[in-house]
N, C-alpha and C. Protein backbone atom coordinates (compact mmCIF):
# COMPACT_ATOMS: atom_id res chain seq x y z
N UNK A 1 97.03 226.76 190.15
CA UNK A 1 96.14 227.75 190.76
C UNK A 1 96.79 228.27 192.04
N UNK A 2 96.79 229.57 192.23
CA UNK A 2 97.36 230.18 193.43
C UNK A 2 96.25 230.87 194.20
N UNK A 3 96.00 230.39 195.41
CA UNK A 3 94.94 230.95 196.24
C UNK A 3 95.48 232.12 197.04
N UNK A 4 94.77 233.23 197.09
CA UNK A 4 95.19 234.36 197.95
C UNK A 4 94.87 234.02 199.41
N UNK A 5 95.72 233.19 200.02
CA UNK A 5 95.43 232.63 201.35
C UNK A 5 95.15 233.68 202.40
N UNK A 6 95.93 234.75 202.41
CA UNK A 6 95.72 235.75 203.47
C UNK A 6 94.32 236.36 203.38
N UNK A 7 93.82 236.59 202.18
CA UNK A 7 92.48 237.15 202.01
C UNK A 7 91.41 236.13 202.40
N UNK A 8 91.62 234.88 202.03
CA UNK A 8 90.65 233.82 202.36
C UNK A 8 90.58 233.61 203.87
N UNK A 9 91.75 233.56 204.51
CA UNK A 9 91.80 233.36 205.96
C UNK A 9 91.20 234.57 206.67
N UNK A 10 91.53 235.77 206.20
CA UNK A 10 90.98 236.99 206.81
C UNK A 10 89.47 237.01 206.71
N UNK A 11 88.92 236.62 205.57
CA UNK A 11 87.46 236.61 205.41
C UNK A 11 86.82 235.58 206.34
N UNK A 12 87.44 234.41 206.45
CA UNK A 12 86.92 233.38 207.36
C UNK A 12 86.91 233.89 208.80
N UNK A 13 88.00 234.52 209.22
CA UNK A 13 88.08 235.05 210.58
C UNK A 13 87.06 236.17 210.81
N UNK A 14 86.84 236.98 209.80
CA UNK A 14 85.83 238.04 209.90
C UNK A 14 84.44 237.43 210.07
N UNK A 15 84.14 236.41 209.28
CA UNK A 15 82.85 235.75 209.38
C UNK A 15 82.66 235.10 210.76
N UNK A 16 83.70 234.43 211.25
CA UNK A 16 83.63 233.79 212.57
C UNK A 16 83.44 234.85 213.65
N UNK A 17 84.19 235.95 213.57
CA UNK A 17 84.07 237.02 214.58
C UNK A 17 82.68 237.63 214.60
N UNK A 18 82.09 237.79 213.43
CA UNK A 18 80.74 238.35 213.35
C UNK A 18 79.74 237.43 214.05
N UNK A 19 79.86 236.13 213.79
CA UNK A 19 78.97 235.16 214.44
C UNK A 19 79.24 235.14 215.94
N UNK A 20 80.50 235.19 216.34
CA UNK A 20 80.83 235.20 217.76
C UNK A 20 80.20 236.40 218.46
N UNK A 21 80.26 237.58 217.84
CA UNK A 21 79.63 238.77 218.41
C UNK A 21 78.15 238.53 218.69
N UNK A 22 77.48 237.95 217.72
CA UNK A 22 76.05 237.70 217.88
C UNK A 22 75.77 236.64 218.93
N UNK A 23 76.65 235.65 219.01
CA UNK A 23 76.47 234.61 220.04
C UNK A 23 76.63 235.21 221.42
N UNK A 24 77.59 236.12 221.60
CA UNK A 24 77.74 236.80 222.89
C UNK A 24 76.43 237.49 223.29
N UNK A 25 75.83 238.17 222.34
CA UNK A 25 74.58 238.88 222.61
C UNK A 25 73.49 237.89 223.01
N UNK A 26 73.35 236.80 222.26
CA UNK A 26 72.30 235.82 222.54
C UNK A 26 72.54 235.15 223.89
N UNK A 27 73.79 234.80 224.19
CA UNK A 27 74.07 234.16 225.48
C UNK A 27 73.74 235.09 226.65
N UNK A 28 74.06 236.37 226.50
CA UNK A 28 73.71 237.33 227.55
C UNK A 28 72.19 237.44 227.71
N UNK A 29 71.48 237.48 226.58
CA UNK A 29 70.02 237.53 226.64
C UNK A 29 69.46 236.28 227.31
N UNK A 30 70.01 235.13 226.95
CA UNK A 30 69.55 233.87 227.54
C UNK A 30 69.78 233.86 229.04
N UNK A 31 70.97 234.30 229.47
CA UNK A 31 71.28 234.31 230.91
C UNK A 31 70.28 235.19 231.65
N UNK A 32 69.99 236.36 231.10
CA UNK A 32 69.02 237.25 231.74
C UNK A 32 67.64 236.59 231.79
N UNK A 33 67.24 235.95 230.71
CA UNK A 33 65.94 235.29 230.66
C UNK A 33 65.88 234.10 231.61
N UNK A 34 66.97 233.37 231.73
CA UNK A 34 67.01 232.24 232.67
C UNK A 34 66.85 232.73 234.10
N UNK A 35 67.53 233.82 234.41
CA UNK A 35 67.44 234.36 235.77
C UNK A 35 66.05 234.90 236.08
N UNK A 36 65.36 235.39 235.06
CA UNK A 36 64.01 235.91 235.22
C UNK A 36 62.95 234.83 235.00
N UNK A 37 63.36 233.65 234.61
CA UNK A 37 62.46 232.55 234.26
C UNK A 37 61.50 232.98 233.15
N UNK A 38 62.05 233.61 232.13
CA UNK A 38 61.27 234.08 230.99
C UNK A 38 61.27 233.00 229.91
N UNK A 39 60.36 232.04 230.06
CA UNK A 39 60.31 230.91 229.13
C UNK A 39 59.87 231.33 227.72
N UNK A 40 58.97 232.29 227.64
CA UNK A 40 58.53 232.78 226.32
C UNK A 40 59.69 233.44 225.58
N UNK A 41 60.47 234.22 226.31
CA UNK A 41 61.63 234.88 225.70
C UNK A 41 62.66 233.86 225.22
N UNK A 42 62.88 232.82 226.02
CA UNK A 42 63.81 231.77 225.63
C UNK A 42 63.33 231.07 224.37
N UNK A 43 62.05 230.79 224.31
CA UNK A 43 61.49 230.13 223.12
C UNK A 43 61.61 231.02 221.89
N UNK A 44 61.46 232.33 222.10
CA UNK A 44 61.54 233.26 220.98
C UNK A 44 62.96 233.34 220.40
N UNK A 45 63.97 232.96 221.20
CA UNK A 45 65.35 232.99 220.71
C UNK A 45 65.71 231.78 219.86
N UNK A 46 64.88 230.77 219.84
CA UNK A 46 65.18 229.53 219.11
C UNK A 46 65.50 229.77 217.63
N UNK A 47 64.71 230.57 216.90
CA UNK A 47 65.06 230.79 215.49
C UNK A 47 66.42 231.47 215.31
N UNK A 48 66.74 232.37 216.21
CA UNK A 48 68.03 233.05 216.13
C UNK A 48 69.16 232.05 216.40
N UNK A 49 68.94 231.15 217.37
CA UNK A 49 69.91 230.08 217.64
C UNK A 49 70.15 229.25 216.39
N UNK A 50 69.07 228.87 215.73
CA UNK A 50 69.18 228.04 214.53
C UNK A 50 69.96 228.77 213.43
N UNK A 51 69.72 230.05 213.29
CA UNK A 51 70.45 230.85 212.30
C UNK A 51 71.94 230.89 212.63
N UNK A 52 72.27 231.10 213.91
CA UNK A 52 73.67 231.16 214.31
C UNK A 52 74.35 229.81 214.11
N UNK A 53 73.64 228.73 214.39
CA UNK A 53 74.19 227.39 214.18
C UNK A 53 74.48 227.19 212.69
N UNK A 54 73.54 227.58 211.83
CA UNK A 54 73.74 227.43 210.39
C UNK A 54 74.93 228.25 209.91
N UNK A 55 75.09 229.44 210.44
CA UNK A 55 76.21 230.29 210.04
C UNK A 55 77.55 229.72 210.53
N UNK A 56 77.55 229.17 211.75
CA UNK A 56 78.77 228.53 212.24
C UNK A 56 79.12 227.29 211.41
N UNK A 57 78.09 226.54 211.01
CA UNK A 57 78.33 225.37 210.17
C UNK A 57 78.88 225.79 208.81
N UNK A 58 78.41 226.91 208.29
CA UNK A 58 78.94 227.42 207.02
C UNK A 58 80.42 227.82 207.18
N UNK A 59 80.76 228.41 208.32
CA UNK A 59 82.16 228.76 208.58
C UNK A 59 83.01 227.50 208.68
N UNK A 60 82.50 226.50 209.35
CA UNK A 60 83.22 225.23 209.47
C UNK A 60 83.43 224.58 208.11
N UNK A 61 82.39 224.61 207.29
CA UNK A 61 82.50 224.03 205.94
C UNK A 61 83.55 224.79 205.13
N UNK A 62 83.54 226.12 205.22
CA UNK A 62 84.51 226.93 204.48
C UNK A 62 85.92 226.65 204.99
N UNK A 63 86.07 226.48 206.30
CA UNK A 63 87.37 226.15 206.88
C UNK A 63 87.89 224.82 206.31
N UNK A 64 87.01 223.83 206.28
CA UNK A 64 87.40 222.52 205.75
C UNK A 64 87.80 222.62 204.28
N UNK A 65 87.05 223.41 203.51
CA UNK A 65 87.38 223.60 202.10
C UNK A 65 88.75 224.27 201.93
N UNK A 66 89.01 225.29 202.75
CA UNK A 66 90.30 225.98 202.68
C UNK A 66 91.45 225.02 203.01
N UNK A 67 91.26 224.21 204.04
CA UNK A 67 92.33 223.29 204.44
C UNK A 67 92.55 222.21 203.39
N UNK A 68 91.47 221.76 202.76
CA UNK A 68 91.62 220.77 201.69
C UNK A 68 92.37 221.38 200.51
N UNK A 69 92.00 222.60 200.16
CA UNK A 69 92.69 223.32 199.07
C UNK A 69 94.16 223.50 199.39
N UNK A 70 94.45 223.86 200.65
CA UNK A 70 95.83 224.08 201.07
C UNK A 70 96.64 222.80 200.92
N UNK A 71 96.06 221.69 201.34
CA UNK A 71 96.76 220.41 201.20
C UNK A 71 97.05 220.09 199.74
N UNK A 72 96.09 220.38 198.88
CA UNK A 72 96.27 220.11 197.46
C UNK A 72 97.39 220.96 196.86
N UNK A 73 97.64 222.13 197.47
CA UNK A 73 98.71 223.00 197.00
C UNK A 73 100.02 222.75 197.74
N UNK A 74 100.04 221.70 198.59
CA UNK A 74 101.26 221.36 199.31
C UNK A 74 101.50 222.16 200.57
N UNK A 75 100.48 222.84 201.05
CA UNK A 75 100.58 223.62 202.30
C UNK A 75 99.97 222.82 203.44
N UNK A 76 100.25 223.22 204.68
CA UNK A 76 99.65 222.51 205.82
C UNK A 76 98.13 222.57 205.76
N UNK A 77 97.49 221.45 205.94
CA UNK A 77 96.04 221.39 205.88
C UNK A 77 95.42 220.89 207.16
N UNK A 78 96.19 220.94 208.27
CA UNK A 78 95.65 220.43 209.54
C UNK A 78 94.93 221.50 210.34
N UNK A 79 95.32 222.76 210.17
CA UNK A 79 94.64 223.85 210.90
C UNK A 79 94.89 225.18 210.20
N UNK A 80 94.03 226.12 210.48
CA UNK A 80 94.18 227.47 209.92
C UNK A 80 95.44 228.11 210.49
N UNK A 81 95.73 227.83 211.75
CA UNK A 81 96.93 228.38 212.39
C UNK A 81 98.19 227.89 211.65
N UNK A 82 98.24 226.59 211.33
CA UNK A 82 99.39 226.04 210.59
C UNK A 82 99.48 226.64 209.20
N UNK A 83 98.35 226.78 208.55
CA UNK A 83 98.32 227.36 207.21
C UNK A 83 98.83 228.80 207.24
N UNK A 84 98.40 229.57 208.23
CA UNK A 84 98.86 230.95 208.38
C UNK A 84 100.36 230.98 208.63
N UNK A 85 100.83 230.07 209.48
CA UNK A 85 102.26 230.02 209.78
C UNK A 85 103.11 229.67 208.58
N UNK A 86 102.52 228.98 207.61
CA UNK A 86 103.26 228.58 206.40
C UNK A 86 103.35 229.72 205.38
N UNK A 87 102.56 230.76 205.56
CA UNK A 87 102.62 231.89 204.64
C UNK A 87 103.92 232.67 204.86
N UNK A 88 104.45 233.28 203.83
CA UNK A 88 105.63 234.14 204.03
C UNK A 88 105.29 235.25 205.03
N UNK A 89 106.22 235.61 205.90
CA UNK A 89 105.94 236.62 206.93
C UNK A 89 105.36 237.93 206.39
N UNK A 90 105.78 238.34 205.21
CA UNK A 90 105.27 239.60 204.67
C UNK A 90 103.83 239.50 204.18
N UNK A 91 103.27 238.26 204.10
CA UNK A 91 101.88 238.09 203.65
C UNK A 91 100.93 237.78 204.81
N UNK A 92 101.47 237.55 206.00
CA UNK A 92 100.63 237.17 207.15
C UNK A 92 99.84 238.35 207.71
N UNK A 93 100.42 239.52 207.67
CA UNK A 93 99.74 240.69 208.22
C UNK A 93 99.36 240.49 209.67
N UNK A 94 98.11 240.80 210.00
CA UNK A 94 97.65 240.67 211.39
C UNK A 94 96.94 239.33 211.64
N UNK A 95 97.06 238.39 210.70
CA UNK A 95 96.37 237.11 210.84
C UNK A 95 96.73 236.36 212.12
N UNK A 96 98.02 236.29 212.52
CA UNK A 96 98.31 235.58 213.77
C UNK A 96 97.59 236.18 214.99
N UNK A 97 97.53 237.50 215.06
CA UNK A 97 96.83 238.16 216.18
C UNK A 97 95.33 237.88 216.11
N UNK A 98 94.79 237.94 214.91
CA UNK A 98 93.35 237.68 214.75
C UNK A 98 93.01 236.24 215.10
N UNK A 99 93.90 235.31 214.76
CA UNK A 99 93.68 233.92 215.14
C UNK A 99 93.67 233.77 216.65
N UNK A 100 94.61 234.43 217.32
CA UNK A 100 94.64 234.37 218.79
C UNK A 100 93.38 234.97 219.39
N UNK A 101 92.93 236.10 218.86
CA UNK A 101 91.72 236.75 219.36
C UNK A 101 90.50 235.86 219.15
N UNK A 102 90.39 235.26 217.98
CA UNK A 102 89.26 234.39 217.68
C UNK A 102 89.24 233.19 218.61
N UNK A 103 90.42 232.60 218.86
CA UNK A 103 90.51 231.47 219.78
C UNK A 103 90.15 231.87 221.20
N UNK A 104 90.63 233.02 221.64
CA UNK A 104 90.32 233.50 223.00
C UNK A 104 88.82 233.76 223.14
N UNK A 105 88.23 234.33 222.11
CA UNK A 105 86.79 234.60 222.15
C UNK A 105 85.99 233.29 222.16
N UNK A 106 86.49 232.28 221.46
CA UNK A 106 85.82 230.98 221.46
C UNK A 106 85.84 230.38 222.87
N UNK A 107 86.98 230.52 223.56
CA UNK A 107 87.06 230.02 224.94
C UNK A 107 86.12 230.81 225.85
N UNK A 108 86.04 232.11 225.65
CA UNK A 108 85.13 232.93 226.46
C UNK A 108 83.67 232.52 226.20
N UNK A 109 83.34 232.23 224.95
CA UNK A 109 81.99 231.75 224.63
C UNK A 109 81.72 230.41 225.32
N UNK A 110 82.71 229.54 225.38
CA UNK A 110 82.54 228.27 226.09
C UNK A 110 82.24 228.52 227.56
N UNK A 111 82.96 229.47 228.16
CA UNK A 111 82.74 229.79 229.57
C UNK A 111 81.33 230.35 229.79
N UNK A 112 80.92 231.23 228.90
CA UNK A 112 79.57 231.80 229.04
C UNK A 112 78.50 230.74 228.83
N UNK A 113 78.73 229.82 227.91
CA UNK A 113 77.77 228.72 227.71
C UNK A 113 77.71 227.85 228.95
N UNK A 114 78.86 227.59 229.54
CA UNK A 114 78.90 226.80 230.78
C UNK A 114 78.17 227.52 231.91
N UNK A 115 78.33 228.82 231.98
CA UNK A 115 77.62 229.61 232.99
C UNK A 115 76.11 229.46 232.81
N UNK A 116 75.64 229.58 231.57
CA UNK A 116 74.21 229.42 231.31
C UNK A 116 73.75 228.01 231.67
N UNK A 117 74.56 227.02 231.36
CA UNK A 117 74.22 225.63 231.70
C UNK A 117 74.11 225.48 233.21
N UNK A 118 75.04 226.10 233.94
CA UNK A 118 75.00 226.00 235.41
C UNK A 118 73.76 226.69 235.97
N UNK A 119 73.39 227.82 235.42
CA UNK A 119 72.17 228.51 235.87
C UNK A 119 70.96 227.61 235.62
N UNK A 120 70.93 226.96 234.46
CA UNK A 120 69.83 226.06 234.12
C UNK A 120 69.80 224.88 235.08
N UNK A 121 70.96 224.30 235.38
CA UNK A 121 71.01 223.17 236.31
C UNK A 121 70.56 223.58 237.70
N UNK A 122 70.98 224.76 238.15
CA UNK A 122 70.56 225.27 239.44
C UNK A 122 69.03 225.41 239.48
N UNK A 123 68.47 225.95 238.42
CA UNK A 123 67.01 226.13 238.36
C UNK A 123 66.31 224.77 238.40
N UNK A 124 66.84 223.78 237.70
CA UNK A 124 66.23 222.44 237.70
C UNK A 124 66.31 221.80 239.07
N UNK A 125 67.44 221.95 239.75
CA UNK A 125 67.56 221.40 241.11
C UNK A 125 66.57 222.08 242.04
N UNK A 126 66.49 223.40 241.94
CA UNK A 126 65.55 224.15 242.77
C UNK A 126 64.11 223.69 242.51
N UNK A 127 63.76 223.55 241.25
CA UNK A 127 62.42 223.09 240.89
C UNK A 127 62.16 221.69 241.43
N UNK A 128 63.14 220.82 241.31
CA UNK A 128 63.01 219.45 241.82
C UNK A 128 62.77 219.46 243.33
N UNK A 129 63.49 220.30 244.03
CA UNK A 129 63.31 220.40 245.48
C UNK A 129 61.92 220.93 245.83
N UNK A 130 61.46 221.91 245.08
CA UNK A 130 60.11 222.43 245.32
C UNK A 130 59.05 221.36 245.09
N UNK A 131 59.21 220.59 244.02
CA UNK A 131 58.25 219.51 243.73
C UNK A 131 58.26 218.48 244.85
N UNK A 132 59.45 218.16 245.36
CA UNK A 132 59.55 217.19 246.46
C UNK A 132 58.87 217.72 247.72
N UNK A 133 59.06 218.98 248.01
CA UNK A 133 58.42 219.58 249.20
C UNK A 133 56.91 219.54 249.06
N UNK A 134 56.42 219.89 247.86
CA UNK A 134 54.97 219.86 247.63
C UNK A 134 54.44 218.43 247.71
N UNK A 135 55.17 217.49 247.10
CA UNK A 135 54.70 216.10 247.07
C UNK A 135 54.70 215.44 248.44
N UNK A 136 55.65 215.81 249.30
CA UNK A 136 55.75 215.15 250.61
C UNK A 136 55.18 215.97 251.73
N UNK A 137 54.66 217.12 251.43
CA UNK A 137 54.13 217.99 252.47
C UNK A 137 55.22 218.54 253.37
N UNK A 138 56.45 218.54 252.89
CA UNK A 138 57.56 219.08 253.66
C UNK A 138 58.19 218.09 254.61
N UNK A 139 57.74 216.83 254.60
CA UNK A 139 58.28 215.80 255.49
C UNK A 139 59.22 214.89 254.71
N UNK A 140 60.32 214.51 255.38
CA UNK A 140 61.24 213.59 254.74
C UNK A 140 60.57 212.24 254.54
N UNK A 141 60.77 211.66 253.40
CA UNK A 141 60.21 210.35 253.09
C UNK A 141 61.35 209.36 252.90
N UNK A 142 61.18 208.12 253.34
CA UNK A 142 62.25 207.14 253.13
C UNK A 142 62.45 206.87 251.64
N UNK A 143 63.71 206.72 251.28
CA UNK A 143 64.03 206.43 249.89
C UNK A 143 63.91 204.94 249.63
N UNK A 144 64.33 204.12 250.63
CA UNK A 144 64.30 202.67 250.47
C UNK A 144 63.48 202.07 251.59
N UNK A 145 62.92 200.90 251.35
CA UNK A 145 62.15 200.19 252.38
C UNK A 145 60.71 200.64 252.40
N UNK A 146 59.92 199.85 253.11
CA UNK A 146 58.50 200.18 253.21
C UNK A 146 58.19 200.78 254.57
N UNK A 147 57.74 201.97 254.56
CA UNK A 147 57.27 202.68 255.75
C UNK A 147 58.26 202.64 256.89
N UNK A 148 59.53 202.64 256.56
CA UNK A 148 60.55 202.71 257.59
C UNK A 148 60.71 204.16 257.99
N UNK A 149 60.98 204.43 259.25
CA UNK A 149 61.20 205.83 259.65
C UNK A 149 62.50 206.34 259.03
N UNK A 150 62.52 207.61 258.77
CA UNK A 150 63.70 208.22 258.17
C UNK A 150 64.73 208.44 259.26
N UNK A 151 65.95 207.97 259.01
CA UNK A 151 67.04 208.19 259.93
C UNK A 151 67.73 209.46 259.48
N UNK A 152 67.47 210.54 260.19
CA UNK A 152 67.99 211.84 259.78
C UNK A 152 69.36 212.14 260.38
N UNK A 153 69.96 211.16 261.05
CA UNK A 153 71.28 211.42 261.62
C UNK A 153 72.36 211.00 260.64
N UNK A 154 73.49 211.60 260.79
CA UNK A 154 74.61 211.27 259.90
C UNK A 154 75.69 210.55 260.65
N UNK A 155 76.21 209.48 260.08
CA UNK A 155 77.23 208.67 260.73
C UNK A 155 78.52 209.43 260.98
N UNK A 156 78.81 210.45 260.21
CA UNK A 156 80.06 211.17 260.39
C UNK A 156 80.01 212.18 261.52
N UNK A 157 78.82 212.67 261.84
CA UNK A 157 78.72 213.71 262.85
C UNK A 157 78.02 213.27 264.11
N UNK A 158 77.27 212.18 264.10
CA UNK A 158 76.55 211.72 265.29
C UNK A 158 77.34 210.63 266.01
N UNK A 159 77.39 210.75 267.32
CA UNK A 159 78.11 209.79 268.13
C UNK A 159 77.42 208.43 268.10
N UNK A 160 76.10 208.42 267.93
CA UNK A 160 75.31 207.19 267.97
C UNK A 160 75.65 206.24 266.85
N UNK A 161 76.22 206.71 265.83
CA UNK A 161 76.47 205.87 264.65
C UNK A 161 77.57 204.88 264.83
């Protein structure tokens, strides 16, 4: 059996790129909703998240199938990049460039996900501080000990230390 590798790889990259495009849109929407504290909007995106996850899992499964098939035919089965590199140069077409673009977009998605995570962490810290202010009436409370006064001086900057 001879697999048309360039067509299979091209289709996989097209599918991944399509999902990546949609993830970019969702991450941007999430970032805007996080900044606006739009909890209803965030909840409404959950089904779309689940769909994107399922589609990415389908791409991953197809990738694994392609690599297994490649190994069975004596081609590199460790990565799509290796498999593409094993194709004759006249059959590779624009696959190497598309692989680079897909990888770069994946890194950009990681950065955007990290940005959203940081915004979420910032919001949680801010909320925690607000709860502490409300709970203590705005006064510092000792963390350890019973009813000990709070020592608000710092040993690195105060001469008394």
